[in-house]
Amino acid sequence: MLAQYKTVKHEGKAEIVIKKSRFIGHAKPVATEEEAIQFIAAIKKEHSLATHNCSAYMIGERDEIQKQSDDGEPSGTAGKPILEVIKNQGLKNVAVVVTRYFGGIMLGAGGLIRAYTDGAVVGLAAAEPIYQVLHKEVLVEIDYTWHGKVENELRNRNTLLGETSFTDKVTITCLPIAEEAERFIAWMTDVTQGQGVIMAGEERYVEHKEWP
């Protein structure tokens, strides 16, 4: 699993008008090629009267899947520019569709490339680029007498926390960045002076607006 990757938070869309043509950029996070294909199909259905619905998507830890479609525009003027925007923004697991309603004025190849580039940019911005960062669950089980001290230390360290359960013991779910988990466990062992039970759990991605 990647330590972190950049994607978008949710499905989003935005519209620009260039020489009377409407360009609507749509973007969505996708985990599989099937999801990307379904998203593109849904946009095409929604905008079935549009002149073109051009698209691109990039999926996989190493960007293994990269596809693009000019959907009737001159070759290389739509799908490729959209894909280049995804690459240039460093995004993964994203599908983008730029819908065009022709306004009657020809743009030329250069104009089309710029228009589809701008359409992809505004669509991705509307979908809110974020980072998915790999964190590791660390469960800290302590006596109630240690709760205040541990909670204060975690707060001072700005540790991301999950649930806290209160039974005969207090169990705090901490979520350090996966790469820092071993150091975190060593630090927590020191904080609790070896009096706590510290257990490593599963790894999972957590959303961040910026790379932490």
Protein backbone atom coordinates (compact mmCIF):
# COMPACT_ATOMS: atom_id res chain seq x y z
CA MET A 1 0.00 0.00 0.00
CA LEU A 2 1.19 3.50 -0.79
CA ALA A 3 2.24 5.68 2.15
CA GLN A 4 0.09 8.41 0.66
CA TYR A 5 -1.53 9.43 -2.58
CA LYS A 6 -3.48 12.39 -3.91
CA THR A 7 -7.03 11.98 -5.21
CA VAL A 8 -10.35 13.84 -4.96
CA LYS A 9 -12.79 13.83 -2.05
CA HIS A 10 -16.09 13.40 -3.85
CA GLU A 11 -17.87 13.81 -7.16
CA GLY A 12 -17.90 17.41 -8.34
CA LYS A 13 -18.64 19.50 -11.39
CA ALA A 14 -18.11 23.04 -12.63
CA GLU A 15 -18.87 24.89 -15.86
CA ILE A 16 -17.01 27.39 -18.01
CA VAL A 17 -18.05 29.10 -21.24
CA ILE A 18 -15.53 29.62 -24.04
CA LYS A 19 -16.66 31.39 -27.22
CA LYS A 20 -20.29 30.44 -26.53
CA SER A 21 -19.48 26.73 -26.05
CA ARG A 22 -20.32 25.33 -22.61
CA PHE A 23 -17.69 23.04 -21.07
CA ILE A 24 -18.79 21.17 -17.95
CA GLY A 25 -16.03 19.42 -16.03
CA HIS A 26 -17.06 16.39 -13.94
CA ALA A 27 -14.67 14.50 -11.67
CA LYS A 28 -15.01 11.59 -9.25
CA PRO A 29 -12.78 9.33 -7.15
CA VAL A 30 -12.82 5.76 -8.48
CA ALA A 31 -11.20 2.61 -7.12
CA THR A 32 -11.57 0.41 -10.21
CA GLU A 33 -11.81 0.72 -13.98
CA GLU A 34 -15.39 -0.54 -13.76
CA GLU A 35 -16.30 2.39 -11.51
CA ALA A 36 -14.69 4.80 -13.98
CA ILE A 37 -16.60 3.30 -16.93
CA GLN A 38 -19.88 3.48 -15.00
CA PHE A 39 -19.24 7.13 -14.08
CA ILE A 40 -18.51 8.08 -17.68
CA ALA A 41 -21.62 6.23 -18.86
CA ALA A 42 -23.75 8.04 -16.29
CA ILE A 43 -22.48 11.44 -17.43
CA LYS A 44 -23.09 10.54 -21.07
CA LYS A 45 -26.64 9.54 -20.19
CA GLU A 46 -27.22 12.73 -18.22
CA HIS A 47 -25.83 14.84 -21.07
CA SER A 48 -27.05 12.77 -23.99
CA LEU A 49 -27.81 15.92 -26.00
CA ALA A 50 -24.29 17.31 -25.59
CA THR A 51 -22.02 17.61 -28.60
CA HIS A 52 -19.23 15.64 -26.88
CA ASN A 53 -18.51 13.92 -23.57
CA CYS A 54 -14.72 13.54 -23.54
CA SER A 55 -13.04 11.64 -20.73
CA ALA A 56 -9.93 10.25 -19.11
CA TYR A 57 -9.10 8.24 -16.02
CA MET A 58 -6.05 6.99 -14.17
CA ILE A 59 -6.19 4.13 -11.67
CA GLY A 60 -3.72 2.05 -9.66
CA GLU A 61 -0.85 2.47 -7.23
CA ARG A 62 1.57 2.77 -10.15
CA ASP A 63 -0.99 4.37 -12.50
CA GLU A 64 -1.32 1.03 -14.28
CA ILE A 65 -4.63 1.92 -15.93
CA GLN A 66 -4.72 5.05 -18.08
CA LYS A 67 -7.48 5.60 -20.61
CA GLN A 68 -8.77 8.56 -22.58
CA SER A 69 -11.47 9.34 -25.14
CA ASP A 70 -11.89 12.25 -27.57
CA ASP A 71 -15.54 11.25 -28.15
CA GLY A 72 -15.61 12.66 -31.66
CA GLU A 73 -13.35 15.68 -31.18
CA PRO A 74 -10.20 15.81 -33.36
CA SER A 75 -7.66 13.24 -32.20
CA GLY A 76 -5.53 14.42 -29.29
CA THR A 77 -7.52 17.59 -28.56
CA ALA A 78 -9.71 16.38 -25.68
CA GLY A 79 -8.98 13.06 -23.96
CA LYS A 80 -5.21 13.54 -23.87
CA PRO A 81 -5.36 17.07 -22.38
CA ILE A 82 -7.77 15.82 -19.70
CA LEU A 83 -5.41 12.95 -18.84
CA GLU A 84 -2.46 15.35 -18.71
CA VAL A 85 -4.28 17.48 -16.14
CA ILE A 86 -4.76 14.40 -13.94
CA LYS A 87 -1.05 13.58 -14.28
CA ASN A 88 0.16 17.13 -13.74
CA GLN A 89 -1.87 17.43 -10.54
CA GLY A 90 -0.38 14.15 -9.31
CA LEU A 91 -3.77 12.52 -8.86
CA LYS A 92 -4.59 8.82 -8.64
CA ASN A 93 -7.83 6.85 -8.82
CA VAL A 94 -9.70 9.64 -10.57
CA ALA A 95 -12.08 9.80 -13.54
CA VAL A 96 -12.85 13.06 -15.38
CA VAL A 97 -15.45 13.84 -18.03
CA VAL A 98 -15.63 17.18 -19.81
CA THR A 99 -18.98 17.74 -21.51
CA ARG A 100 -19.22 20.19 -24.41
CA TYR A 101 -22.29 21.91 -25.74
CA PHE A 102 -21.17 23.53 -29.01
CA GLY A 103 -21.89 27.25 -29.21
CA GLY A 104 -21.39 27.76 -32.91
CA ILE A 105 -17.82 29.10 -32.96
CA MET A 106 -14.97 26.81 -34.01
CA LEU A 107 -12.05 26.81 -31.57
CA GLY A 108 -9.33 25.11 -33.60
CA ALA A 109 -7.03 22.42 -32.25
CA GLY A 110 -5.15 24.70 -29.90
CA GLY A 111 -8.35 26.23 -28.60
CA LEU A 112 -9.88 22.81 -27.98
CA ILE A 113 -6.83 21.62 -26.05
CA ARG A 114 -6.97 24.71 -23.82
CA ALA A 115 -10.72 24.42 -23.36
CA TYR A 116 -10.67 20.74 -22.35
CA THR A 117 -7.68 21.41 -20.10
CA ASP A 118 -9.56 24.21 -18.36
CA GLY A 119 -12.71 22.08 -18.13
CA ALA A 120 -10.78 19.30 -16.40
CA VAL A 121 -9.12 21.77 -14.02
CA VAL A 122 -12.39 23.30 -12.82
CA GLY A 123 -14.05 19.89 -12.53
CA LEU A 124 -11.23 18.55 -10.36
CA ALA A 125 -11.23 21.68 -8.22
CA ALA A 126 -14.96 21.18 -7.58
CA ALA A 127 -14.26 17.59 -6.50
CA GLU A 128 -11.74 18.86 -3.91
CA PRO A 129 -8.27 17.32 -4.23
CA ILE A 130 -7.14 15.65 -1.00
CA TYR A 131 -4.46 13.29 0.27
CA GLN A 132 -5.23 9.77 1.41
CA VAL A 133 -2.56 8.96 4.00
CA LEU A 134 -1.88 5.49 5.37
CA HIS A 135 -2.30 5.34 9.15
CA LYS A 136 -1.95 2.43 11.56
CA GLU A 137 -4.28 1.71 14.45
CA VAL A 138 -2.51 1.50 17.80
CA LEU A 139 -4.70 0.46 20.74
CA VAL A 140 -3.56 1.76 24.11
CA GLU A 141 -5.16 0.01 27.09
CA ILE A 142 -4.56 1.71 30.44
CA ASP A 143 -5.95 1.99 33.96
CA TYR A 144 -8.25 4.94 34.64
CA THR A 145 -5.52 6.58 36.74
CA TRP A 146 -3.42 6.98 33.58
CA HIS A 147 -6.19 8.37 31.38
CA GLY A 148 -5.66 12.08 32.07
CA LYS A 149 -1.90 11.96 31.57
CA VAL A 150 -2.07 9.90 28.37
CA GLU A 151 -4.86 12.02 26.92
CA ASN A 152 -2.85 15.19 27.60
CA GLU A 153 0.30 13.75 26.01
CA LEU A 154 -1.64 12.68 22.92
CA ARG A 155 -3.20 16.13 22.63
CA ASN A 156 0.21 17.81 22.87
CA ARG A 157 1.52 15.53 20.14
CA ASN A 158 -1.54 16.29 17.93
CA THR A 159 -2.19 12.57 17.57
CA LEU A 160 -5.14 11.60 15.41
CA LEU A 161 -7.55 9.56 17.54
CA GLY A 162 -10.32 7.09 16.89
CA GLU A 163 -12.74 5.74 19.48
CA THR A 164 -12.10 5.54 23.22
CA SER A 165 -13.86 2.75 25.12
CA PHE A 166 -14.43 2.67 28.87
CA THR A 167 -14.82 -0.75 30.49
CA ASP A 168 -12.74 -2.04 33.39
CA LYS A 169 -9.89 -0.30 31.52
CA VAL A 170 -9.66 2.66 29.17
CA THR A 171 -8.78 1.73 25.58
CA ILE A 172 -7.75 4.59 23.29
CA THR A 173 -7.51 3.99 19.55
CA CYS A 174 -4.65 6.09 18.20
CA LEU A 175 -3.97 6.59 14.50
CA PRO A 176 -0.34 7.54 13.89
CA ILE A 177 0.94 7.69 10.32
CA ALA A 178 1.88 4.11 9.40
CA GLU A 179 5.53 4.98 8.77
CA GLU A 180 5.77 6.42 12.30
CA ALA A 181 3.88 3.65 14.11
CA GLU A 182 6.90 1.91 15.61
CA ARG A 183 8.26 5.19 16.99
CA PHE A 184 4.81 6.03 18.31
CA ILE A 185 4.55 2.69 20.13
CA ALA A 186 7.97 3.21 21.70
CA TRP A 187 6.99 6.71 22.78
CA MET A 188 3.67 5.54 24.24
CA THR A 189 5.44 2.74 26.13
CA ASP A 190 7.66 5.42 27.66
CA VAL A 191 4.71 7.71 28.45
CA THR A 192 2.87 4.92 30.29
CA GLN A 193 6.10 3.72 31.92
CA GLY A 194 5.33 0.24 30.66
CA GLN A 195 2.05 0.14 32.58
CA GLY A 196 -0.18 0.10 29.49
CA VAL A 197 -0.98 -2.67 27.04
CA ILE A 198 -0.17 -1.39 23.55
CA MET A 199 -1.35 -3.34 20.51
CA ALA A 200 -0.80 -2.60 16.84
CA GLY A 201 -3.91 -2.95 14.71
CA GLU A 202 -4.83 -2.58 11.06
CA GLU A 203 -3.65 -0.05 8.53
CA ARG A 204 -6.15 2.26 6.85
CA TYR A 205 -6.23 5.38 4.76
CA VAL A 206 -7.29 8.64 6.38
CA GLU A 207 -8.22 11.77 4.45
CA HIS A 208 -6.06 14.90 4.79
CA LYS A 209 -6.49 18.25 3.07
CA GLU A 210 -2.72 18.63 2.97
CA TRP A 211 0.20 16.23 3.21
CA PRO A 212 0.82 16.05 6.99
